[in-house]
N, C-alpha and C. Protein backbone atom coordinates (compact mmCIF):
# COMPACT_ATOMS: atom_id res chain seq x y z
N MET A 1 131.39 188.23 77.86
CA MET A 1 130.29 187.57 77.86
C MET A 1 129.99 186.93 78.92
N GLN A 2 128.71 186.52 79.27
CA GLN A 2 127.78 186.27 80.57
C GLN A 2 127.50 184.30 79.91
N ASN A 3 127.57 183.37 80.66
CA ASN A 3 127.47 182.23 80.47
C ASN A 3 126.34 181.85 80.29
N ILE A 4 125.70 181.20 79.01
CA ILE A 4 124.50 180.35 79.36
C ILE A 4 124.17 179.26 80.10
N ILE A 5 122.83 179.60 80.81
CA ILE A 5 122.50 178.56 81.80
C ILE A 5 121.38 177.88 81.33
N THR A 6 121.40 176.72 81.61
CA THR A 6 120.49 175.98 80.61
C THR A 6 120.10 174.84 82.35
N ILE A 7 118.74 174.94 82.32
CA ILE A 7 118.27 174.06 83.47
C ILE A 7 117.55 172.45 82.73
N GLU A 8 118.03 171.48 83.55
CA GLU A 8 117.65 170.18 82.77
C GLU A 8 118.23 169.36 84.02
N PRO A 9 117.42 167.96 84.32
CA PRO A 9 117.82 166.88 84.55
C PRO A 9 119.31 166.32 84.26
N LEU A 10 119.69 165.68 85.35
CA LEU A 10 121.05 164.73 85.05
C LEU A 10 120.88 163.16 84.52
N SER A 11 120.94 162.14 83.83
CA SER A 11 120.72 161.27 83.73
C SER A 11 121.62 160.40 84.95
N PRO A 12 121.02 159.03 85.35
CA PRO A 12 121.71 158.38 86.38
C PRO A 12 122.94 158.16 86.17
N ASP A 13 123.68 157.71 85.30
CA ASP A 13 125.17 157.85 84.64
C ASP A 13 125.81 158.99 85.21
N GLN A 14 125.29 160.25 85.33
CA GLN A 14 126.14 161.60 85.81
C GLN A 14 125.97 162.04 87.27
N PHE A 15 125.97 160.62 88.17
CA PHE A 15 125.38 160.74 89.43
C PHE A 15 126.41 161.40 89.92
N GLU A 16 128.28 161.37 89.18
CA GLU A 16 128.87 162.21 90.33
C GLU A 16 128.92 163.51 90.61
N MET A 17 128.53 164.08 89.30
CA MET A 17 127.94 165.88 89.19
C MET A 17 127.25 165.97 90.54
N TYR A 18 126.12 165.15 90.45
CA TYR A 18 125.11 165.31 91.25
C TYR A 18 125.58 165.20 92.70
N ARG A 19 126.11 164.14 92.74
CA ARG A 19 126.87 163.77 94.68
C ARG A 19 127.85 164.94 94.69
N ASN A 20 129.00 165.40 93.80
CA ASN A 20 129.29 166.31 94.62
C ASN A 20 129.21 167.47 94.80
N LEU A 21 127.78 167.97 93.68
CA LEU A 21 127.08 169.26 94.12
C LEU A 21 126.59 168.75 95.50
N VAL A 22 126.01 168.00 95.75
CA VAL A 22 125.48 167.77 97.23
C VAL A 22 126.42 167.79 98.36
N PHE A 23 127.41 166.99 98.17
CA PHE A 23 128.85 167.15 99.01
C PHE A 23 129.24 168.59 99.67
N GLU A 24 129.30 169.38 98.03
CA GLU A 24 129.59 171.04 98.50
C GLU A 24 128.22 171.38 98.90
N SER A 25 127.08 171.37 98.55
CA SER A 25 126.16 171.93 99.11
C SER A 25 125.85 172.15 100.78
N VAL A 26 126.22 170.49 101.30
CA VAL A 26 125.66 170.10 102.75
C VAL A 26 126.94 170.98 103.28
N THR A 27 128.49 171.24 102.97
CA THR A 27 129.60 171.58 103.44
C THR A 27 129.42 173.47 103.70
N VAL A 28 128.87 173.89 102.16
CA VAL A 28 128.72 175.47 102.36
C VAL A 28 127.65 175.83 102.94
N GLU A 29 126.54 175.42 103.14
CA GLU A 29 125.26 175.45 103.43
C GLU A 29 124.62 174.17 104.54
N PRO A 30 125.21 174.31 105.59
CA PRO A 30 124.92 172.79 106.38
C PRO A 30 123.48 173.26 106.93
N LEU A 31 123.10 173.97 107.24
CA LEU A 31 121.42 173.96 107.74
C LEU A 31 120.85 174.47 106.62
N ALA A 32 121.19 174.38 105.84
CA ALA A 32 119.74 174.32 104.58
C ALA A 32 119.41 172.83 104.11
N PHE A 33 120.18 171.93 104.66
CA PHE A 33 119.84 170.64 104.46
C PHE A 33 119.49 169.61 105.49
N ASP A 34 118.40 168.70 105.27
CA ASP A 34 118.55 167.89 106.51
C ASP A 34 119.56 166.71 107.07
N VAL A 35 120.47 166.74 105.79
CA VAL A 35 121.41 165.74 105.91
C VAL A 35 122.83 166.19 106.16
N THR A 36 124.05 165.20 106.41
CA THR A 36 125.05 166.18 106.86
C THR A 36 126.20 165.51 105.68
N LEU A 37 127.22 165.87 105.74
CA LEU A 37 128.23 165.42 104.77
C LEU A 37 128.82 164.25 105.17
N ASN A 38 128.76 163.65 106.22
CA ASN A 38 128.98 162.25 106.61
C ASN A 38 127.98 161.51 106.09
N GLU A 39 126.67 161.60 106.55
CA GLU A 39 125.77 160.94 106.22
C GLU A 39 125.81 160.88 104.48
N CYS A 40 126.20 161.85 103.75
CA CYS A 40 126.00 161.84 102.63
C CYS A 40 127.35 160.83 101.74
N MET A 41 128.17 160.87 102.66
CA MET A 41 129.06 160.28 102.20
C MET A 41 129.23 158.60 102.17
N GLY A 42 128.19 158.16 103.44
CA GLY A 42 127.78 156.70 103.43
C GLY A 42 127.02 155.99 102.21
N PHE A 43 126.48 157.09 101.27
CA PHE A 43 125.32 156.79 100.18
C PHE A 43 126.22 155.71 99.45
N SER A 44 125.68 155.00 98.71
CA SER A 44 126.24 153.91 97.66
C SER A 44 126.12 154.99 96.65
N ASN A 45 126.86 154.61 95.30
CA ASN A 45 126.82 154.92 93.81
C ASN A 45 124.97 154.34 93.45
N ASP A 46 124.69 153.57 93.80
CA ASP A 46 123.34 152.98 93.42
C ASP A 46 122.38 153.96 93.82
N PHE A 47 122.44 154.63 95.11
CA PHE A 47 121.66 155.55 95.87
C PHE A 47 121.50 156.82 94.90
N TRP A 48 122.79 157.48 94.96
CA TRP A 48 123.06 158.21 94.22
C TRP A 48 122.43 158.58 92.59
N LYS A 49 122.33 157.39 91.76
CA LYS A 49 121.88 157.18 90.74
C LYS A 49 120.11 156.88 91.23
N SER A 50 119.86 156.38 91.84
CA SER A 50 118.30 156.24 92.21
C SER A 50 117.43 157.39 92.07
N GLN A 51 118.20 158.68 92.51
CA GLN A 51 117.83 159.68 92.79
C GLN A 51 117.28 160.40 91.54
N LEU A 52 118.26 160.30 90.51
CA LEU A 52 118.15 160.75 89.02
C LEU A 52 117.59 160.25 88.25
N SER A 53 117.11 158.66 88.49
CA SER A 53 116.18 158.12 87.65
C SER A 53 114.74 158.62 87.62
N ASP A 54 113.89 158.22 86.33
CA ASP A 54 112.44 158.72 86.11
C ASP A 54 111.60 157.50 86.48
N SER A 55 111.13 157.96 88.06
CA SER A 55 110.48 157.26 88.25
C SER A 55 109.56 157.85 89.06
N PRO A 56 108.03 157.22 89.25
CA PRO A 56 107.19 158.18 89.77
C PRO A 56 107.43 158.35 91.45
N ARG A 57 108.12 157.36 92.05
CA ARG A 57 108.64 157.26 93.53
C ARG A 57 109.57 158.22 93.82
N THR A 58 110.18 158.70 92.93
CA THR A 58 111.81 159.47 93.43
C THR A 58 111.45 160.53 93.34
N ASN A 59 112.30 161.43 93.61
CA ASN A 59 112.17 163.15 93.29
C ASN A 59 112.67 163.08 91.96
N LYS A 60 112.26 164.61 91.86
CA LYS A 60 112.38 165.20 90.27
C LYS A 60 113.89 165.90 90.48
N MET A 61 114.89 166.04 90.13
CA MET A 61 116.03 166.92 90.31
C MET A 61 116.16 167.36 89.03
N LEU A 62 116.21 168.47 89.16
CA LEU A 62 116.88 169.41 88.19
C LEU A 62 118.34 170.47 88.35
N PHE A 63 118.94 170.70 87.29
CA PHE A 63 120.32 171.40 87.46
C PHE A 63 120.39 172.58 86.80
N ALA A 64 121.37 173.43 87.27
CA ALA A 64 121.49 174.49 86.61
C ALA A 64 122.75 174.37 86.20
N LYS A 65 123.33 174.25 84.46
CA LYS A 65 124.23 174.13 84.17
C LYS A 65 125.09 175.05 83.26
N SER A 66 126.07 175.41 83.37
CA SER A 66 126.94 176.54 82.69
C SER A 66 128.17 175.98 82.16
N SER A 67 127.91 175.52 80.91
CA SER A 67 129.41 175.09 80.17
C SER A 67 129.49 173.84 80.76
N ASP A 68 128.90 173.33 80.78
CA ASP A 68 129.02 171.47 80.96
C ASP A 68 129.02 171.32 82.69
N ALA A 69 129.75 172.67 83.34
CA ALA A 69 129.90 172.52 84.94
C ALA A 69 128.25 172.39 85.59
N VAL A 70 127.91 171.63 86.48
CA VAL A 70 126.63 171.68 87.37
C VAL A 70 126.81 172.83 88.22
N VAL A 71 125.65 173.75 88.43
CA VAL A 71 126.32 175.39 89.57
C VAL A 71 125.18 175.33 90.45
N GLY A 72 124.16 174.51 90.12
CA GLY A 72 122.94 174.50 91.28
C GLY A 72 121.98 173.51 90.75
N MET A 73 120.90 173.36 91.93
CA MET A 73 120.05 172.19 92.08
C MET A 73 119.06 172.55 92.79
N ILE A 74 117.58 171.81 92.35
CA ILE A 74 116.71 171.67 92.95
C ILE A 74 115.70 170.68 92.52
N GLY A 75 115.00 170.23 93.68
CA GLY A 75 113.74 169.14 93.50
C GLY A 75 112.76 169.07 93.87
N VAL A 76 111.79 168.30 93.40
CA VAL A 76 110.36 168.48 93.73
C VAL A 76 109.91 167.07 94.08
N ARG A 77 109.55 166.65 95.11
CA ARG A 77 108.96 165.38 95.79
C ARG A 77 106.97 165.71 95.20
N PHE A 78 106.84 164.76 94.34
CA PHE A 78 105.09 164.64 94.36
C PHE A 78 104.86 163.65 95.25
N GLY A 79 103.55 164.04 95.73
CA GLY A 79 102.91 163.02 96.55
C GLY A 79 102.60 162.03 95.38
N PHE A 80 102.85 160.56 96.48
CA PHE A 80 102.87 159.69 95.57
C PHE A 80 101.59 158.74 95.49
N PHE A 81 101.15 158.87 97.19
CA PHE A 81 99.85 157.71 97.56
C PHE A 81 98.74 158.60 97.05
N GLU A 82 97.23 158.27 96.77
CA GLU A 82 96.10 158.70 96.66
C GLU A 82 95.86 159.94 97.51
N LYS A 83 95.87 159.61 98.65
CA LYS A 83 95.65 160.59 99.41
C LYS A 83 96.57 162.04 99.72
N THR A 84 97.59 161.69 99.16
CA THR A 84 98.48 162.50 99.09
C THR A 84 98.68 163.30 97.55
N ARG A 85 98.42 162.47 96.94
CA ARG A 85 98.99 162.72 95.28
C ARG A 85 98.50 164.34 95.08
N HIS A 86 97.57 165.41 95.90
CA HIS A 86 97.31 166.62 95.35
C HIS A 86 98.70 167.46 95.91
N THR A 87 99.76 167.13 96.39
CA THR A 87 100.59 167.77 97.22
C THR A 87 102.11 167.61 95.94
N ALA A 88 102.65 168.71 96.39
CA ALA A 88 104.31 168.70 96.09
C ALA A 88 105.20 169.28 97.09
N THR A 89 106.17 169.03 96.77
CA THR A 89 107.41 169.45 98.43
C THR A 89 108.62 170.06 97.10
N ILE A 90 109.00 170.92 97.49
CA ILE A 90 110.28 171.48 96.89
C ILE A 90 111.60 171.58 97.91
N VAL A 91 112.41 171.00 97.31
CA VAL A 91 113.75 170.68 98.38
C VAL A 91 114.79 170.99 97.75
N SER A 92 115.95 171.27 98.33
CA SER A 92 117.48 171.15 98.10
C SER A 92 117.71 171.86 96.87
N LEU A 93 116.86 173.33 97.08
CA LEU A 93 117.40 174.30 96.05
C LEU A 93 119.08 174.88 96.60
N TYR A 94 119.96 174.89 96.16
CA TYR A 94 121.23 175.01 96.04
C TYR A 94 121.59 176.06 94.70
N VAL A 95 122.48 176.99 94.86
CA VAL A 95 123.66 177.71 93.86
C VAL A 95 125.02 177.97 94.20
N LYS A 96 125.99 177.53 93.64
CA LYS A 96 127.03 177.51 93.81
C LYS A 96 127.09 179.12 94.16
N PRO A 97 128.11 179.62 95.47
CA PRO A 97 128.39 180.77 95.70
C PRO A 97 129.10 181.54 94.42
N GLU A 98 129.70 181.67 93.84
CA GLU A 98 130.31 182.51 93.03
C GLU A 98 129.35 182.39 91.95
N GLU A 99 127.90 181.77 92.07
CA GLU A 99 126.94 181.96 90.75
C GLU A 99 125.64 182.79 91.34
N ARG A 100 125.90 183.15 92.71
CA ARG A 100 124.85 183.81 93.42
C ARG A 100 124.60 185.04 93.04
N ASP A 101 123.40 185.43 93.04
CA ASP A 101 122.54 187.12 92.52
C ASP A 101 123.06 187.02 91.23
N SER A 102 122.91 185.89 90.65
CA SER A 102 122.94 186.05 88.76
C SER A 102 121.65 185.43 88.51
N GLY A 103 120.56 185.22 89.40
CA GLY A 103 119.11 184.72 89.05
C GLY A 103 119.35 183.38 88.84
N ILE A 104 120.12 182.27 88.88
CA ILE A 104 120.19 180.85 88.96
C ILE A 104 118.95 180.65 89.76
N GLY A 105 118.99 180.83 91.00
CA GLY A 105 117.94 180.57 91.90
C GLY A 105 116.83 180.67 91.61
N THR A 106 116.37 181.65 90.82
CA THR A 106 115.10 182.35 90.16
C THR A 106 114.47 181.28 89.19
N GLN A 107 115.79 180.90 88.21
CA GLN A 107 115.67 179.99 87.20
C GLN A 107 115.26 178.38 87.83
N LEU A 108 115.97 178.48 88.93
CA LEU A 108 115.50 177.06 89.12
C LEU A 108 114.51 176.81 89.82
N PHE A 109 113.96 177.87 90.60
CA PHE A 109 112.74 177.67 91.07
C PHE A 109 111.56 177.80 90.54
N GLU A 110 111.74 179.03 89.35
CA GLU A 110 110.72 178.61 88.66
C GLU A 110 110.77 177.44 87.83
N ALA A 111 111.79 176.76 87.40
CA ALA A 111 111.52 175.18 87.03
C ALA A 111 111.00 174.24 87.36
N SER A 112 110.98 174.61 88.67
CA SER A 112 110.68 173.42 89.45
C SER A 112 108.91 173.66 89.63
N LEU A 113 108.47 175.13 89.66
CA LEU A 113 107.16 175.33 89.80
C LEU A 113 106.54 174.85 88.35
N SER A 114 107.20 174.80 87.27
CA SER A 114 106.80 174.30 85.68
C SER A 114 106.40 172.87 85.97
N LEU A 115 107.51 172.26 86.66
CA LEU A 115 107.37 170.62 86.95
C LEU A 115 106.10 170.48 87.50
N ILE A 116 105.70 171.02 88.55
CA ILE A 116 104.31 171.34 89.38
C ILE A 116 103.38 171.73 88.18
N ARG A 117 103.36 172.57 87.76
CA ARG A 117 102.35 173.29 87.03
C ARG A 117 101.49 172.21 86.05
N ASP A 118 102.61 171.43 85.50
CA ASP A 118 102.50 170.31 84.41
C ASP A 118 101.29 169.08 85.05
N LYS A 119 100.79 169.07 85.96
CA LYS A 119 100.78 168.16 87.05
C LYS A 119 98.89 169.04 87.46
N PRO A 120 98.36 169.45 86.76
CA PRO A 120 96.52 170.19 87.46
C PRO A 120 96.30 169.97 88.22
N TYR A 121 96.44 168.35 88.99
CA TYR A 121 96.08 168.08 89.90
C TYR A 121 96.67 168.57 91.29
N ILE A 122 97.63 168.96 91.35
CA ILE A 122 98.59 169.37 92.51
C ILE A 122 97.75 170.69 92.98
N ARG A 123 97.46 170.70 94.14
CA ARG A 123 96.82 171.68 94.69
C ARG A 123 97.69 172.14 96.01
N LYS A 124 98.50 171.74 96.74
CA LYS A 124 99.71 172.44 97.68
C LYS A 124 101.13 172.13 97.26
N VAL A 125 101.71 173.01 97.81
CA VAL A 125 103.15 172.73 97.21
C VAL A 125 103.61 173.62 99.02
N SER A 126 104.66 172.48 99.57
CA SER A 126 104.96 173.32 100.43
C SER A 126 106.84 173.04 100.65
N LEU A 127 107.35 173.49 101.43
CA LEU A 127 108.94 173.56 101.49
C LEU A 127 109.24 174.26 102.84
N THR A 128 110.69 174.02 103.22
CA THR A 128 110.68 174.54 104.68
C THR A 128 112.08 175.32 104.29
N VAL A 129 112.28 176.19 105.33
CA VAL A 129 113.49 177.11 105.19
C VAL A 129 114.31 177.50 106.57
N ILE A 130 115.41 177.63 106.65
CA ILE A 130 115.88 178.16 107.92
C ILE A 130 115.45 179.52 107.93
N SER A 131 114.86 180.28 109.26
CA SER A 131 114.47 181.36 109.57
C SER A 131 115.75 182.38 108.98
N SER A 132 116.98 181.90 108.80
CA SER A 132 118.07 182.98 108.75
C SER A 132 118.02 182.96 107.26
N GLN A 133 117.60 182.56 106.45
CA GLN A 133 117.78 182.63 105.30
C GLN A 133 116.70 183.24 104.44
N ILE A 134 117.06 184.71 104.63
CA ILE A 134 116.16 185.63 104.55
C ILE A 134 115.90 185.92 102.56
N ALA A 135 117.09 185.60 102.10
CA ALA A 135 116.99 185.24 100.95
C ALA A 135 116.31 184.70 99.99
N ALA A 136 116.17 183.57 100.73
CA ALA A 136 115.11 182.30 100.15
C ALA A 136 113.87 182.72 100.22
N MET A 137 113.66 183.07 101.36
CA MET A 137 112.39 183.54 102.18
C MET A 137 111.34 184.23 101.03
N LYS A 138 112.80 185.39 100.89
CA LYS A 138 112.22 186.84 99.94
C LYS A 138 111.51 185.82 98.30
N LEU A 139 112.52 185.05 98.14
CA LEU A 139 112.12 184.49 96.56
C LEU A 139 110.79 183.85 96.70
N TYR A 140 110.50 183.06 97.55
CA TYR A 140 109.63 181.73 98.07
C TYR A 140 108.12 182.74 97.97
N LYS A 141 108.07 184.03 99.01
CA LYS A 141 107.35 184.88 99.14
C LYS A 141 106.53 185.65 97.60
N LYS A 142 107.78 185.88 96.78
CA LYS A 142 107.41 186.47 95.65
C LYS A 142 106.51 185.63 94.97
N TYR A 143 106.70 184.48 95.07
CA TYR A 143 106.18 183.41 94.19
C TYR A 143 104.60 182.86 94.67
N GLY A 144 104.17 183.59 95.68
CA GLY A 144 103.02 183.56 96.69
C GLY A 144 103.00 182.72 98.01
N PHE A 145 104.27 182.19 98.46
CA PHE A 145 104.31 181.13 99.53
C PHE A 145 104.30 181.60 100.84
N GLU A 146 103.55 181.70 101.64
CA GLU A 146 103.56 182.28 102.96
C GLU A 146 103.70 181.02 103.85
N ILE A 147 104.40 181.70 104.89
CA ILE A 147 104.56 180.92 106.22
C ILE A 147 103.67 180.37 107.14
N ILE A 148 103.26 179.14 107.12
CA ILE A 148 102.19 178.51 107.57
C ILE A 148 102.39 177.95 109.34
N GLY A 149 103.50 177.94 109.65
CA GLY A 149 104.14 177.49 110.66
C GLY A 149 105.58 177.55 110.82
N ILE A 150 105.98 177.38 112.36
CA ILE A 150 107.08 177.47 112.54
C ILE A 150 107.81 176.27 113.61
N GLN A 151 108.95 175.82 112.86
CA GLN A 151 109.36 174.52 113.73
C GLN A 151 110.82 174.73 114.72
N LYS A 152 110.10 175.18 116.03
CA LYS A 152 111.21 175.37 116.80
C LYS A 152 112.25 174.28 116.97
N ASN A 153 113.67 174.41 117.09
CA ASN A 153 114.58 173.38 117.38
C ASN A 153 114.25 171.97 116.69
N GLU A 154 114.28 172.30 114.89
CA GLU A 154 113.57 171.32 114.21
C GLU A 154 115.32 170.57 113.99
N LEU A 155 116.07 171.59 113.81
CA LEU A 155 117.89 170.85 113.13
C LEU A 155 118.82 171.11 114.13
N PHE A 156 119.57 170.05 114.90
CA PHE A 156 120.62 170.16 115.87
C PHE A 156 121.76 169.80 115.02
N TYR A 157 122.67 171.02 115.12
CA TYR A 157 123.67 171.00 114.20
C TYR A 157 124.80 171.64 115.18
N GLU A 158 126.01 171.11 115.28
CA GLU A 158 127.11 172.08 116.26
C GLU A 158 127.03 172.07 117.51
N GLU A 159 125.65 171.37 117.64
CA GLU A 159 125.63 171.45 119.58
C GLU A 159 124.44 172.70 119.74
N LYS A 160 123.87 173.05 118.51
CA LYS A 160 122.79 174.38 118.99
C LYS A 160 121.76 173.81 117.97
N TYR A 161 120.33 174.26 118.28
CA TYR A 161 119.18 173.84 117.88
C TYR A 161 118.90 175.27 116.76
N TYR A 162 118.11 174.61 115.81
CA TYR A 162 117.50 176.11 114.40
C TYR A 162 116.00 175.80 114.35
N THR A 163 115.74 176.87 113.90
CA THR A 163 114.03 177.22 113.71
C THR A 163 114.06 176.93 111.93
N GLN A 164 113.07 176.16 111.38
CA GLN A 164 112.57 176.38 110.55
C GLN A 164 111.74 176.81 110.05
N PHE A 165 110.85 177.22 108.96
CA PHE A 165 109.58 178.25 108.90
C PHE A 165 109.26 176.88 107.80
N LYS A 166 107.49 176.59 108.14
CA LYS A 166 107.09 175.93 106.71
C LYS A 166 106.59 176.63 106.04
N MET A 167 106.56 176.76 104.67
CA MET A 167 106.08 177.66 103.90
C MET A 167 104.83 176.58 102.87
N GLU A 168 104.07 177.37 102.32
CA GLU A 168 103.23 176.83 101.68
C GLU A 168 102.22 177.61 100.25
N LEU A 169 102.26 177.08 99.29
CA LEU A 169 101.22 177.65 98.36
C LEU A 169 100.41 176.97 98.43
N HIS A 170 98.71 177.43 98.12
CA HIS A 170 97.69 177.07 97.51
C HIS A 170 97.07 176.90 96.24
N ILE A 171 96.98 176.43 95.74
CA ILE A 171 96.74 176.41 94.25
C ILE A 171 94.67 176.03 93.96
N PRO A 172 94.33 177.25 93.87
CA PRO A 172 92.77 176.53 94.08
C PRO A 172 92.39 176.23 93.01
N GLU A 173 91.67 175.14 92.49
CA GLU A 173 90.99 174.02 91.93
C GLU A 173 91.01 175.20 90.49
N HIS A 174 91.10 174.57 89.47
CA HIS A 174 90.75 175.26 88.05
C HIS A 174 91.46 176.82 87.89
N SER A 175 92.85 176.49 88.67
CA SER A 175 93.68 177.71 88.39
C SER A 175 95.07 176.84 88.36
N THR A 176 96.14 177.85 87.95
CA THR A 176 97.48 177.64 87.99
C THR A 176 98.23 178.54 88.47
N ILE A 177 99.70 177.90 88.85
CA ILE A 177 100.75 178.74 89.67
C ILE A 177 101.32 179.86 88.16
N ASN A 178 101.19 181.05 88.93
CA ASN A 178 101.53 182.13 87.88
C ASN A 178 103.42 181.89 87.44
């Protein structure tokens, strides 16, 4: 029998599940995140709790849960200021390796798009992806994202530079994301 996956936020008092998943994600997929494990380990408990609080100035984080275990995450940053209020940025998509190829990444991505859909004034959604993450790019393109730029030498990790692609989805006025 297959586990049922739920997509939901965590409350600030569940910050340890979030923190542990981030520690794992930056260890397993160090190029997929701007931050390093050492940097993450320096963040206070209050920092981790703040990332899960329901405030207009913070990211909205969603988590895939299977039998009360967190197996994946995704975040959305909404433009806060008047000039950027029409924008959203998708960040931190991660699924535990043993749960990949099960549709969880797609479920998380669709849930993030649903959050964005709930704000009809959003006109542009962006994200970045390392050029070698072919499966992730395929997922993003499936939902209409296009590569709009190449950020050469954007990340520096273990004495090597890496290229990122900037991808965007534009939402015309009076329409929604599929």
